[in-house]
Amino acid sequence: MEPQYDKRSPVPRLVVQGAATRSVKLTDGTSTVSISPRTSTFAGLSFATDILPAYYQHLRAVYARPLVLKPSVRLSALAVLGFDQLVPVWLEKEGAHFYCNKIDNWEEADASTPVELLRLTF
């Protein structure tokens, strides 16, 4: 099976580029060129000490002192089908945004469904 790559919307990745090189041959069908790029790895990267502080400060705050709410809410089938976990939920009563961590056993016939919300601190 031929690997497939997303060429329209690539996302940057964080890697460690070492001093070691690797010989690679590139060909376009008519000519071949040898190159020796430096190798890149994920070795030595720690989520807790390298990636979390640099790129996910808001997530670090949530994990440091989480405020978890477990309300029962009314959810329509349309709301569940269109649910995007990456979009924060605003609760007027709390005056804050929340991340919906879990929708627990939603069924259309039920009047309400328990959900688990984590307060987002910005």
PDB file of N, CA and C in Angstrom:
ATOM      1  N   MET A   1       0.843  -1.182   0.000  1.00  0.00           N
ATOM      2  CA  MET A   1       0.000   0.000   0.000  1.00  0.00           C
ATOM      3  C   MET A   1       0.887   1.243   0.000  1.00  0.00           C
ATOM      4  N   GLU A   2       0.600   2.163  -0.872  1.00  0.00           N
ATOM      5  CA  GLU A   2       1.352   3.412  -1.005  1.00  0.00           C
ATOM      6  C   GLU A   2       0.965   4.387   0.113  1.00  0.00           C
ATOM      7  N   PRO A   3       1.933   4.984   0.842  1.00  0.00           N
ATOM      8  CA  PRO A   3       1.575   5.948   1.889  1.00  0.00           C
ATOM      9  C   PRO A   3       0.914   7.186   1.286  1.00  0.00           C
ATOM     10  N   GLN A   4      -0.039   7.754   2.023  1.00  0.00           N
ATOM     11  CA  GLN A   4      -0.728   8.957   1.572  1.00  0.00           C
ATOM     12  C   GLN A   4      -0.374  10.099   2.514  1.00  0.00           C
ATOM     13  N   TYR A   5      -0.170  11.275   1.943  1.00  0.00           N
ATOM     14  CA  TYR A   5       0.231  12.443   2.712  1.00  0.00           C
ATOM     15  C   TYR A   5      -0.745  13.583   2.482  1.00  0.00           C
ATOM     16  N   ASP A   6      -1.011  14.336   3.522  1.00  0.00           N
ATOM     17  CA  ASP A   6      -1.869  15.507   3.426  1.00  0.00           C
ATOM     18  C   ASP A   6      -0.991  16.675   2.986  1.00  0.00           C
ATOM     19  N   LYS A   7      -1.099  17.070   1.737  1.00  0.00           N
ATOM     20  CA  LYS A   7      -0.256  18.140   1.200  1.00  0.00           C
ATOM     21  C   LYS A   7      -0.926  19.505   1.283  1.00  0.00           C
ATOM     22  N   ARG A   8      -2.224  19.533   1.577  1.00  0.00           N
ATOM     23  CA  ARG A   8      -2.952  20.804   1.621  1.00  0.00           C
ATOM     24  C   ARG A   8      -2.876  21.500   2.976  1.00  0.00           C
ATOM     25  N   SER A   9      -2.905  20.722   4.052  1.00  0.00           N
ATOM     26  CA  SER A   9      -2.931  21.338   5.379  1.00  0.00           C
ATOM     27  C   SER A   9      -1.969  20.637   6.338  1.00  0.00           C
ATOM     28  N   PRO A  10      -0.674  20.659   6.031  1.00  0.00           N
ATOM     29  CA  PRO A  10       0.272  20.005   6.952  1.00  0.00           C
ATOM     30  C   PRO A  10       0.349  20.755   8.276  1.00  0.00           C
ATOM     31  N   VAL A  11       0.565  20.021   9.333  1.00  0.00           N
ATOM     32  CA  VAL A  11       0.678  20.592  10.672  1.00  0.00           C
ATOM     33  C   VAL A  11       2.122  20.437  11.127  1.00  0.00           C
ATOM     34  N   PRO A  12       2.744  21.501  11.654  1.00  0.00           N
ATOM     35  CA  PRO A  12       4.133  21.373  12.109  1.00  0.00           C
ATOM     36  C   PRO A  12       4.257  20.364  13.247  1.00  0.00           C
ATOM     37  N   ARG A  13       5.358  19.681  13.276  1.00  0.00           N
ATOM     38  CA  ARG A  13       5.649  18.709  14.324  1.00  0.00           C
ATOM     39  C   ARG A  13       6.934  19.118  15.035  1.00  0.00           C
ATOM     40  N   LEU A  14       7.004  18.826  16.312  1.00  0.00           N
ATOM     41  CA  LEU A  14       8.174  19.136  17.108  1.00  0.00           C
ATOM     42  C   LEU A  14       9.046  17.884  17.194  1.00  0.00           C
ATOM     43  N   VAL A  15      10.294  17.982  16.737  1.00  0.00           N
ATOM     44  CA  VAL A  15      11.227  16.857  16.767  1.00  0.00           C
ATOM     45  C   VAL A  15      12.588  17.359  17.224  1.00  0.00           C
ATOM     46  N   VAL A  16      13.435  16.412  17.599  1.00  0.00           N
ATOM     47  CA  VAL A  16      14.817  16.725  17.953  1.00  0.00           C
ATOM     48  C   VAL A  16      15.681  16.346  16.761  1.00  0.00           C
ATOM     49  N   GLN A  17      16.430  17.321  16.235  1.00  0.00           N
ATOM     50  CA  GLN A  17      17.298  17.046  15.096  1.00  0.00           C
ATOM     51  C   GLN A  17      18.705  16.784  15.614  1.00  0.00           C
ATOM     52  N   GLY A  18      19.189  15.571  15.346  1.00  0.00           N
ATOM     53  CA  GLY A  18      20.499  15.171  15.833  1.00  0.00           C
ATOM     54  C   GLY A  18      21.617  15.514  14.862  1.00  0.00           C
ATOM     55  N   ALA A  19      22.847  15.206  15.240  1.00  0.00           N
ATOM     56  CA  ALA A  19      24.014  15.469  14.395  1.00  0.00           C
ATOM     57  C   ALA A  19      24.243  14.339  13.389  1.00  0.00           C
ATOM     58  N   ALA A  20      23.689  13.151  13.663  1.00  0.00           N
ATOM     59  CA  ALA A  20      23.876  12.008  12.766  1.00  0.00           C
ATOM     60  C   ALA A  20      23.145  12.241  11.444  1.00  0.00           C
ATOM     61  N   THR A  21      23.697  11.707  10.374  1.00  0.00           N
ATOM     62  CA  THR A  21      23.076  11.825   9.057  1.00  0.00           C
ATOM     63  C   THR A  21      22.746  10.443   8.510  1.00  0.00           C
ATOM     64  N   ARG A  22      21.943  10.451   7.462  1.00  0.00           N
ATOM     65  CA  ARG A  22      21.550   9.201   6.814  1.00  0.00           C
ATOM     66  C   ARG A  22      21.559   9.427   5.311  1.00  0.00           C
ATOM     67  N   SER A  23      22.124   8.524   4.580  1.00  0.00           N
ATOM     68  CA  SER A  23      22.205   8.648   3.129  1.00  0.00           C
ATOM     69  C   SER A  23      20.850   8.296   2.506  1.00  0.00           C
ATOM     70  N   VAL A  24      20.353   9.205   1.655  1.00  0.00           N
ATOM     71  CA  VAL A  24      19.071   9.014   0.994  1.00  0.00           C
ATOM     72  C   VAL A  24      19.239   9.302  -0.490  1.00  0.00           C
ATOM     73  N   LYS A  25      18.655   8.454  -1.338  1.00  0.00           N
ATOM     74  CA  LYS A  25      18.697   8.679  -2.782  1.00  0.00           C
ATOM     75  C   LYS A  25      17.346   9.196  -3.250  1.00  0.00           C
ATOM     76  N   LEU A  26      17.372  10.325  -3.966  1.00  0.00           N
ATOM     77  CA  LEU A  26      16.159  10.919  -4.524  1.00  0.00           C
ATOM     78  C   LEU A  26      16.181  10.729  -6.030  1.00  0.00           C
ATOM     79  N   THR A  27      15.050  10.313  -6.580  1.00  0.00           N
ATOM     80  CA  THR A  27      14.995  10.115  -8.026  1.00  0.00           C
ATOM     81  C   THR A  27      13.672  10.635  -8.570  1.00  0.00           C
ATOM     82  N   ASP A  28      13.724  11.170  -9.780  1.00  0.00           N
ATOM     83  CA  ASP A  28      12.507  11.629 -10.443  1.00  0.00           C
ATOM     84  C   ASP A  28      12.185  10.771 -11.668  1.00  0.00           C
ATOM     85  N   GLY A  29      12.853   9.659 -11.785  1.00  0.00           N
ATOM     86  CA  GLY A  29      12.635   8.767 -12.910  1.00  0.00           C
ATOM     87  C   GLY A  29      13.697   8.885 -13.989  1.00  0.00           C
ATOM     88  N   THR A  30      14.330  10.053 -14.076  1.00  0.00           N
ATOM     89  CA  THR A  30      15.373  10.240 -15.090  1.00  0.00           C
ATOM     90  C   THR A  30      16.746  10.439 -14.470  1.00  0.00           C
ATOM     91  N   SER A  31      16.793  11.032 -13.305  1.00  0.00           N
ATOM     92  CA  SER A  31      18.087  11.238 -12.651  1.00  0.00           C
ATOM     93  C   SER A  31      17.973  10.927 -11.162  1.00  0.00           C
ATOM     94  N   THR A  32      19.114  10.634 -10.547  1.00  0.00           N
ATOM     95  CA  THR A  32      19.172  10.292  -9.129  1.00  0.00           C
ATOM     96  C   THR A  32      20.215  11.172  -8.446  1.00  0.00           C
ATOM     97  N   VAL A  33      19.850  11.658  -7.268  1.00  0.00           N
ATOM     98  CA  VAL A  33      20.750  12.483  -6.470  1.00  0.00           C
ATOM     99  C   VAL A  33      20.820  11.882  -5.070  1.00  0.00           C
ATOM    100  N   SER A  34      22.006  11.805  -4.510  1.00  0.00           N
ATOM    101  CA  SER A  34      22.177  11.328  -3.138  1.00  0.00           C
ATOM    102  C   SER A  34      22.343  12.519  -2.211  1.00  0.00           C
ATOM    103  N   ILE A  35      21.606  12.501  -1.108  1.00  0.00           N
ATOM    104  CA  ILE A  35      21.733  13.550  -0.086  1.00  0.00           C
ATOM    105  C   ILE A  35      21.947  12.879   1.262  1.00  0.00           C
ATOM    106  N   SER A  36      22.424  13.642   2.233  1.00  0.00           N
ATOM    107  CA  SER A  36      22.651  13.128   3.592  1.00  0.00           C
ATOM    108  C   SER A  36      22.047  14.086   4.616  1.00  0.00           C
ATOM    109  N   PRO A  37      20.714  14.039   4.799  1.00  0.00           N
ATOM    110  CA  PRO A  37      20.089  14.933   5.788  1.00  0.00           C
ATOM    111  C   PRO A  37      20.347  14.439   7.210  1.00  0.00           C
ATOM    112  N   ARG A  38      20.290  15.375   8.157  1.00  0.00           N
ATOM    113  CA  ARG A  38      20.416  14.991   9.563  1.00  0.00           C
ATOM    114  C   ARG A  38      19.150  14.251   9.985  1.00  0.00           C
ATOM    115  N   THR A  39      19.286  13.299  10.887  1.00  0.00           N
ATOM    116  CA  THR A  39      18.133  12.526  11.348  1.00  0.00           C
ATOM    117  C   THR A  39      17.375  13.289  12.437  1.00  0.00           C
ATOM    118  N   SER A  40      16.070  13.095  12.454  1.00  0.00           N
ATOM    119  CA  SER A  40      15.205  13.715  13.457  1.00  0.00           C
ATOM    120  C   SER A  40      14.455  12.631  14.202  1.00  0.00           C
ATOM    121  N   THR A  41      14.313  12.818  15.507  1.00  0.00           N
ATOM    122  CA  THR A  41      13.602  11.835  16.332  1.00  0.00           C
ATOM    123  C   THR A  41      12.728  12.556  17.352  1.00  0.00           C
ATOM    124  N   PHE A  42      11.904  11.797  18.034  1.00  0.00           N
ATOM    125  CA  PHE A  42      11.112  12.320  19.148  1.00  0.00           C
ATOM    126  C   PHE A  42      11.810  12.013  20.477  1.00  0.00           C
ATOM    127  N   ALA A  43      12.956  11.357  20.426  1.00  0.00           N
ATOM    128  CA  ALA A  43      13.684  10.977  21.630  1.00  0.00           C
ATOM    129  C   ALA A  43      14.102  12.220  22.412  1.00  0.00           C
ATOM    130  N   GLY A  44      13.954  12.158  23.708  1.00  0.00           N
ATOM    131  CA  GLY A  44      14.373  13.254  24.566  1.00  0.00           C
ATOM    132  C   GLY A  44      13.309  14.317  24.774  1.00  0.00           C
ATOM    133  N   LEU A  45      12.184  14.233  24.067  1.00  0.00           N
ATOM    134  CA  LEU A  45      11.112  15.194  24.278  1.00  0.00           C
ATOM    135  C   LEU A  45      10.155  14.659  25.332  1.00  0.00           C
ATOM    136  N   SER A  46       9.916  15.445  26.330  1.00  0.00           N
ATOM    137  CA  SER A  46       8.980  15.063  27.376  1.00  0.00           C
ATOM    138  C   SER A  46       7.748  15.954  27.270  1.00  0.00           C
ATOM    139  N   PHE A  47       6.573  15.348  27.255  1.00  0.00           N
ATOM    140  CA  PHE A  47       5.346  16.140  27.172  1.00  0.00           C
ATOM    141  C   PHE A  47       5.241  17.091  28.363  1.00  0.00           C
ATOM    142  N   ALA A  48       5.528  16.580  29.557  1.00  0.00           N
ATOM    143  CA  ALA A  48       5.375  17.376  30.776  1.00  0.00           C
ATOM    144  C   ALA A  48       6.362  18.531  30.879  1.00  0.00           C
ATOM    145  N   THR A  49       7.615  18.318  30.473  1.00  0.00           N
ATOM    146  CA  THR A  49       8.623  19.362  30.672  1.00  0.00           C
ATOM    147  C   THR A  49       8.937  20.186  29.423  1.00  0.00           C
ATOM    148  N   ASP A  50       8.715  19.647  28.229  1.00  0.00           N
ATOM    149  CA  ASP A  50       9.063  20.376  27.004  1.00  0.00           C
ATOM    150  C   ASP A  50       7.851  20.912  26.246  1.00  0.00           C
ATOM    151  N   ILE A  51       6.882  20.051  25.994  1.00  0.00           N
ATOM    152  CA  ILE A  51       5.777  20.413  25.113  1.00  0.00           C
ATOM    153  C   ILE A  51       4.656  21.136  25.856  1.00  0.00           C
ATOM    154  N   LEU A  52       4.249  20.620  27.003  1.00  0.00           N
ATOM    155  CA  LEU A  52       3.155  21.227  27.760  1.00  0.00           C
ATOM    156  C   LEU A  52       3.428  22.686  28.126  1.00  0.00           C
ATOM    157  N   PRO A  53       4.587  23.023  28.711  1.00  0.00           N
ATOM    158  CA  PRO A  53       4.828  24.429  29.058  1.00  0.00           C
ATOM    159  C   PRO A  53       4.938  25.347  27.843  1.00  0.00           C
ATOM    160  N   ALA A  54       5.450  24.836  26.734  1.00  0.00           N
ATOM    161  CA  ALA A  54       5.676  25.680  25.563  1.00  0.00           C
ATOM    162  C   ALA A  54       4.424  25.901  24.729  1.00  0.00           C
ATOM    163  N   TYR A  55       3.567  24.898  24.623  1.00  0.00           N
ATOM    164  CA  TYR A  55       2.456  24.986  23.672  1.00  0.00           C
ATOM    165  C   TYR A  55       1.065  24.830  24.276  1.00  0.00           C
ATOM    166  N   TYR A  56       0.955  24.382  25.509  1.00  0.00           N
ATOM    167  CA  TYR A  56      -0.357  24.105  26.085  1.00  0.00           C
ATOM    168  C   TYR A  56      -0.492  24.679  27.497  1.00  0.00           C
ATOM    169  N   GLN A  57      -0.222  25.964  27.676  1.00  0.00           N
ATOM    170  CA  GLN A  57      -0.314  26.584  29.004  1.00  0.00           C
ATOM    171  C   GLN A  57      -1.721  26.458  29.583  1.00  0.00           C
ATOM    172  N   HIS A  58      -2.750  26.649  28.755  1.00  0.00           N
ATOM    173  CA  HIS A  58      -4.127  26.560  29.246  1.00  0.00           C
ATOM    174  C   HIS A  58      -4.448  25.150  29.751  1.00  0.00           C
ATOM    175  N   LEU A  59      -3.918  24.128  29.081  1.00  0.00           N
ATOM    176  CA  LEU A  59      -4.143  22.752  29.499  1.00  0.00           C
ATOM    177  C   LEU A  59      -3.414  22.468  30.808  1.00  0.00           C
ATOM    178  N   ARG A  60      -2.245  23.044  30.956  1.00  0.00           N
ATOM    179  CA  ARG A  60      -1.474  22.869  32.194  1.00  0.00           C
ATOM    180  C   ARG A  60      -2.252  23.427  33.384  1.00  0.00           C
ATOM    181  N   ALA A  61      -2.884  24.582  33.193  1.00  0.00           N
ATOM    182  CA  ALA A  61      -3.673  25.183  34.269  1.00  0.00           C
ATOM    183  C   ALA A  61      -4.874  24.314  34.634  1.00  0.00           C
ATOM    184  N   VAL A  62      -5.502  23.723  33.625  1.00  0.00           N
ATOM    185  CA  VAL A  62      -6.648  22.843  33.882  1.00  0.00           C
ATOM    186  C   VAL A  62      -6.214  21.632  34.695  1.00  0.00           C
ATOM    187  N   TYR A  63      -5.065  21.048  34.348  1.00  0.00           N
ATOM    188  CA  TYR A  63      -4.579  19.867  35.064  1.00  0.00           C
ATOM    189  C   TYR A  63      -4.036  20.203  36.451  1.00  0.00           C
ATOM    190  N   ALA A  64      -3.522  21.410  36.634  1.00  0.00           N
ATOM    191  CA  ALA A  64      -2.942  21.785  37.924  1.00  0.00           C
ATOM    192  C   ALA A  64      -4.017  21.881  39.005  1.00  0.00           C
ATOM    193  N   ARG A  65      -5.135  22.530  38.683  1.00  0.00           N
ATOM    194  CA  ARG A  65      -6.234  22.690  39.638  1.00  0.00           C
ATOM    195  C   ARG A  65      -7.559  22.515  38.901  1.00  0.00           C
ATOM    196  N   PRO A  66      -7.932  21.291  38.592  1.00  0.00           N
ATOM    197  CA  PRO A  66      -9.145  21.097  37.818  1.00  0.00           C
ATOM    198  C   PRO A  66     -10.411  21.387  38.620  1.00  0.00           C
ATOM    199  N   LEU A  67     -11.349  22.042  37.977  1.00  0.00           N
ATOM    200  CA  LEU A  67     -12.675  22.230  38.547  1.00  0.00           C
ATOM    201  C   LEU A  67     -13.606  21.413  37.667  1.00  0.00           C
ATOM    202  N   VAL A  68     -14.148  20.360  38.220  1.00  0.00           N
ATOM    203  CA  VAL A  68     -14.990  19.444  37.454  1.00  0.00           C
ATOM    204  C   VAL A  68     -16.445  19.643  37.862  1.00  0.00           C
ATOM    205  N   LEU A  69     -17.288  19.864  36.873  1.00  0.00           N
ATOM    206  CA  LEU A  69     -18.730  19.927  37.095  1.00  0.00           C
ATOM    207  C   LEU A  69     -19.351  18.729  36.401  1.00  0.00           C
ATOM    208  N   LYS A  70     -20.371  18.144  37.032  1.00  0.00           N
ATOM    209  CA  LYS A  70     -21.059  17.001  36.430  1.00  0.00           C
ATOM    210  C   LYS A  70     -22.563  17.258  36.421  1.00  0.00           C
ATOM    211  N   PRO A  71     -22.984  18.228  35.594  1.00  0.00           N
ATOM    212  CA  PRO A  71     -24.427  18.503  35.523  1.00  0.00           C
ATOM    213  C   PRO A  71     -25.135  17.518  34.598  1.00  0.00           C
ATOM    214  N   SER A  72     -26.442  17.426  34.744  1.00  0.00           N
ATOM    215  CA  SER A  72     -27.272  16.693  33.795  1.00  0.00           C
ATOM    216  C   SER A  72     -27.889  17.735  32.877  1.00  0.00           C
ATOM    217  N   VAL A  73     -27.759  17.543  31.588  1.00  0.00           N
ATOM    218  CA  VAL A  73     -28.238  18.534  30.621  1.00  0.00           C
ATOM    219  C   VAL A  73     -29.124  17.879  29.574  1.00  0.00           C
ATOM    220  N   ARG A  74     -29.988  18.682  28.982  1.00  0.00           N
ATOM    221  CA  ARG A  74     -30.823  18.211  27.880  1.00  0.00           C
ATOM    222  C   ARG A  74     -30.045  18.350  26.591  1.00  0.00           C
ATOM    223  N   LEU A  75     -29.921  17.259  25.874  1.00  0.00           N
ATOM    224  CA  LEU A  75     -29.214  17.264  24.603  1.00  0.00           C
ATOM    225  C   LEU A  75     -30.101  16.660  23.520  1.00  0.00           C
ATOM    226  N   SER A  76     -30.281  17.394  22.442  1.00  0.00           N
ATOM    227  CA  SER A  76     -31.042  16.872  21.312  1.00  0.00           C
ATOM    228  C   SER A  76     -30.126  15.988  20.466  1.00  0.00           C
ATOM    229  N   ALA A  77     -30.719  15.205  19.594  1.00  0.00           N
ATOM    230  CA  ALA A  77     -29.927  14.368  18.686  1.00  0.00           C
ATOM    231  C   ALA A  77     -29.054  15.244  17.806  1.00  0.00           C
ATOM    232  N   LEU A  78     -29.575  16.380  17.370  1.00  0.00           N
ATOM    233  CA  LEU A  78     -28.814  17.301  16.528  1.00  0.00           C
ATOM    234  C   LEU A  78     -27.597  17.853  17.278  1.00  0.00           C
ATOM    235  N   ALA A  79     -27.774  18.181  18.557  1.00  0.00           N
ATOM    236  CA  ALA A  79     -26.658  18.695  19.372  1.00  0.00           C
ATOM    237  C   ALA A  79     -25.571  17.632  19.549  1.00  0.00           C
ATOM    238  N   VAL A  80     -25.975  16.392  19.734  1.00  0.00           N
ATOM    239  CA  VAL A  80     -24.999  15.318  19.929  1.00  0.00           C
ATOM    240  C   VAL A  80     -24.270  15.017  18.616  1.00  0.00           C
ATOM    241  N   LEU A  81     -25.016  14.974  17.511  1.00  0.00           N
ATOM    242  CA  LEU A  81     -24.387  14.700  16.213  1.00  0.00           C
ATOM    243  C   LEU A  81     -23.422  15.806  15.797  1.00  0.00           C
ATOM    244  N   GLY A  82     -23.758  17.049  16.103  1.00  0.00           N
ATOM    245  CA  GLY A  82     -22.916  18.180  15.721  1.00  0.00           C
ATOM    246  C   GLY A  82     -21.901  18.569  16.771  1.00  0.00           C
ATOM    247  N   PHE A  83     -21.760  17.758  17.802  1.00  0.00           N
ATOM    248  CA  PHE A  83     -20.877  18.084  18.915  1.00  0.00           C
ATOM    249  C   PHE A  83     -19.418  18.112  18.490  1.00  0.00           C
ATOM    250  N   ASP A  84     -18.732  19.197  18.828  1.00  0.00           N
ATOM    251  CA  ASP A  84     -17.301  19.333  18.568  1.00  0.00           C
ATOM    252  C   ASP A  84     -16.612  19.517  19.909  1.00  0.00           C
ATOM    253  N   GLN A  85     -15.852  18.523  20.324  1.00  0.00           N
ATOM    254  CA  GLN A  85     -15.220  18.532  21.640  1.00  0.00           C
ATOM    255  C   GLN A  85     -14.179  19.639  21.782  1.00  0.00           C
ATOM    256  N   LEU A  86     -13.696  20.179  20.661  1.00  0.00           N
ATOM    257  CA  LEU A  86     -12.678  21.225  20.723  1.00  0.00           C
ATOM    258  C   LEU A  86     -13.261  22.622  20.944  1.00  0.00           C
ATOM    259  N   VAL A  87     -14.574  22.755  20.867  1.00  0.00           N
ATOM    260  CA  VAL A  87     -15.219  24.049  21.077  1.00  0.00           C
ATOM    261  C   VAL A  87     -15.631  24.152  22.541  1.00  0.00           C
ATOM    262  N   PRO A  88     -15.126  25.155  23.261  1.00  0.00           N
ATOM    263  CA  PRO A  88     -15.496  25.308  24.670  1.00  0.00           C
ATOM    264  C   PRO A  88     -16.984  25.608  24.839  1.00  0.00           C
ATOM    265  N   VAL A  89     -17.520  25.211  25.990  1.00  0.00           N
ATOM    266  CA  VAL A  89     -18.923  25.437  26.331  1.00  0.00           C
ATOM    267  C   VAL A  89     -18.984  26.576  27.344  1.00  0.00           C
ATOM    268  N   TRP A  90     -19.823  27.582  27.102  1.00  0.00           N
ATOM    269  CA  TRP A  90     -19.991  28.702  28.032  1.00  0.00           C
ATOM    270  C   TRP A  90     -21.161  28.415  28.945  1.00  0.00           C
ATOM    271  N   LEU A  91     -20.927  28.497  30.263  1.00  0.00           N
ATOM    272  CA  LEU A  91     -22.012  28.366  31.236  1.00  0.00           C
ATOM    273  C   LEU A  91     -22.219  29.721  31.894  1.00  0.00           C
ATOM    274  N   GLU A  92     -23.340  30.332  31.596  1.00  0.00           N
ATOM    275  CA  GLU A  92     -23.646  31.669  32.110  1.00  0.00           C
ATOM    276  C   GLU A  92     -23.664  31.675  33.635  1.00  0.00           C
ATOM    277  N   LYS A  93     -24.263  30.647  34.241  1.00  0.00           N
ATOM    278  CA  LYS A  93     -24.374  30.564  35.704  1.00  0.00           C
ATOM    279  C   LYS A  93     -22.999  30.567  36.378  1.00  0.00           C
ATOM    280  N   GLU A  94     -22.021  29.923  35.750  1.00  0.00           N
ATOM    281  CA  GLU A  94     -20.661  29.860  36.294  1.00  0.00           C
ATOM    282  C   GLU A  94     -19.796  31.026  35.833  1.00  0.00           C
ATOM    283  N   GLY A  95     -20.195  31.676  34.737  1.00  0.00           N
ATOM    284  CA  GLY A  95     -19.412  32.787  34.189  1.00  0.00           C
ATOM    285  C   GLY A  95     -18.062  32.344  33.650  1.00  0.00           C
ATOM    286  N   ALA A  96     -18.034  31.136  33.040  1.00  0.00           N
ATOM    287  CA  ALA A  96     -16.759  30.602  32.570  1.00  0.00           C
ATOM    288  C   ALA A  96     -16.980  29.636  31.404  1.00  0.00           C
ATOM    289  N   HIS A  97     -15.869  29.386  30.705  1.00  0.00           N
ATOM    290  CA  HIS A  97     -15.863  28.383  29.641  1.00  0.00           C
ATOM    291  C   HIS A  97     -15.454  27.033  30.229  1.00  0.00           C
ATOM    292  N   PHE A  98     -16.007  25.973  29.643  1.00  0.00           N
ATOM    293  CA  PHE A  98     -15.705  24.622  30.085  1.00  0.00           C
ATOM    294  C   PHE A  98     -15.385  23.747  28.886  1.00  0.00           C
ATOM    295  N   TYR A  99     -14.552  22.750  29.131  1.00  0.00           N
ATOM    296  CA  TYR A  99     -14.232  21.722  28.146  1.00  0.00           C
ATOM    297  C   TYR A  99     -15.122  20.528  28.470  1.00  0.00           C
ATOM    298  N   CYS A 100     -15.859  20.048  27.499  1.00  0.00           N
ATOM    299  CA  CYS A 100     -16.716  18.883  27.723  1.00  0.00           C
ATOM    300  C   CYS A 100     -15.865  17.626  27.585  1.00  0.00           C
ATOM    301  N   ASN A 101     -15.549  17.023  28.708  1.00  0.00           N
ATOM    302  CA  ASN A 101     -14.685  15.849  28.735  1.00  0.00           C
ATOM    303  C   ASN A 101     -15.448  14.565  28.429  1.00  0.00           C
ATOM    304  N   LYS A 102     -16.744  14.539  28.780  1.00  0.00           N
ATOM    305  CA  LYS A 102     -17.490  13.289  28.627  1.00  0.00           C
ATOM    306  C   LYS A 102     -18.983  13.544  28.547  1.00  0.00           C
ATOM    307  N   ILE A 103     -19.645  12.872  27.605  1.00  0.00           N
ATOM    308  CA  ILE A 103     -21.104  12.796  27.553  1.00  0.00           C
ATOM    309  C   ILE A 103     -21.416  11.353  27.921  1.00  0.00           C
ATOM    310  N   ASP A 104     -22.103  11.172  29.036  1.00  0.00           N
ATOM    311  CA  ASP A 104     -22.271   9.829  29.599  1.00  0.00           C
ATOM    312  C   ASP A 104     -23.584   9.167  29.181  1.00  0.00           C
ATOM    313  N   ASN A 105     -23.485   8.175  28.295  1.00  0.00           N
ATOM    314  CA  ASN A 105     -24.624   7.328  27.904  1.00  0.00           C
ATOM    315  C   ASN A 105     -25.851   8.107  27.430  1.00  0.00           C
ATOM    316  N   TRP A 106     -25.669   8.964  26.437  1.00  0.00           N
ATOM    317  CA  TRP A 106     -26.791   9.719  25.889  1.00  0.00           C
ATOM    318  C   TRP A 106     -27.757   8.791  25.175  1.00  0.00           C
ATOM    319  N   GLU A 107     -29.034   8.984  25.453  1.00  0.00           N
ATOM    320  CA  GLU A 107     -30.090   8.289  24.730  1.00  0.00           C
ATOM    321  C   GLU A 107     -31.183   9.299  24.444  1.00  0.00           C
ATOM    322  N   GLU A 108     -31.707   9.233  23.234  1.00  0.00           N
ATOM    323  CA  GLU A 108     -32.690  10.224  22.791  1.00  0.00           C
ATOM    324  C   GLU A 108     -33.928  10.255  23.676  1.00  0.00           C
ATOM    325  N   ALA A 109     -34.317   9.114  24.221  1.00  0.00           N
ATOM    326  CA  ALA A 109     -35.539   9.048  25.031  1.00  0.00           C
ATOM    327  C   ALA A 109     -35.360   9.656  26.425  1.00  0.00           C
ATOM    328  N   ASP A 110     -34.121   9.796  26.882  1.00  0.00           N
ATOM    329  CA  ASP A 110     -33.881  10.333  28.231  1.00  0.00           C
ATOM    330  C   ASP A 110     -34.103  11.841  28.269  1.00  0.00           C
ATOM    331  N   ALA A 111     -34.647  12.312  29.395  1.00  0.00           N
ATOM    332  CA  ALA A 111     -34.895  13.749  29.555  1.00  0.00           C
ATOM    333  C   ALA A 111     -33.592  14.540  29.690  1.00  0.00           C
ATOM    334  N   SER A 112     -32.606  13.955  30.348  1.00  0.00           N
ATOM    335  CA  SER A 112     -31.312  14.629  30.505  1.00  0.00           C
ATOM    336  C   SER A 112     -30.190  13.592  30.536  1.00  0.00           C
ATOM    337  N   THR A 113     -28.978  14.095  30.288  1.00  0.00           N
ATOM    338  CA  THR A 113     -27.796  13.235  30.204  1.00  0.00           C
ATOM    339  C   THR A 113     -26.686  13.806  31.078  1.00  0.00           C
ATOM    340  N   PRO A 114     -26.048  12.986  31.906  1.00  0.00           N
ATOM    341  CA  PRO A 114     -24.911  13.483  32.690  1.00  0.00           C
ATOM    342  C   PRO A 114     -23.722  13.798  31.768  1.00  0.00           C
ATOM    343  N   VAL A 115     -23.078  14.928  32.017  1.00  0.00           N
ATOM    344  CA  VAL A 115     -21.866  15.302  31.282  1.00  0.00           C
ATOM    345  C   VAL A 115     -20.790  15.673  32.287  1.00  0.00           C
ATOM    346  N   GLU A 116     -19.535  15.556  31.867  1.00  0.00           N
ATOM    347  CA  GLU A 116     -18.398  15.946  32.707  1.00  0.00           C
ATOM    348  C   GLU A 116     -17.732  17.135  32.069  1.00  0.00           C
ATOM    349  N   LEU A 117     -17.690  18.250  32.778  1.00  0.00           N
ATOM    350  CA  LEU A 117     -17.108  19.490  32.273  1.00  0.00           C
ATOM    351  C   LEU A 117     -15.906  19.894  33.111  1.00  0.00           C
ATOM    352  N   LEU A 118     -14.841  20.323  32.432  1.00  0.00           N
ATOM    353  CA  LEU A 118     -13.651  20.845  33.110  1.00  0.00           C
ATOM    354  C   LEU A 118     -13.565  22.339  32.847  1.00  0.00           C
ATOM    355  N   ARG A 119     -13.442  23.119  33.900  1.00  0.00           N
ATOM    356  CA  ARG A 119     -13.366  24.571  33.755  1.00  0.00           C
ATOM    357  C   ARG A 119     -12.044  24.962  33.102  1.00  0.00           C
ATOM    358  N   LEU A 120     -12.137  25.815  32.089  1.00  0.00           N
ATOM    359  CA  LEU A 120     -10.941  26.312  31.401  1.00  0.00           C
ATOM    360  C   LEU A 120     -10.510  27.606  32.055  1.00  0.00           C
ATOM    361  N   THR A 121      -9.251  27.692  32.402  1.00  0.00           N
ATOM    362  CA  THR A 121      -8.705  28.913  32.983  1.00  0.00           C
ATOM    363  C   THR A 121      -7.730  29.507  31.991  1.00  0.00           C
ATOM    364  N   PHE A 122      -7.947  30.736  31.590  1.00  0.00           N
ATOM    365  CA  PHE A 122      -7.089  31.387  30.596  1.00  0.00           C
ATOM    366  C   PHE A 122      -6.178  32.380  31.256  1.00  0.00           C
TER     367      PHE A 122
END
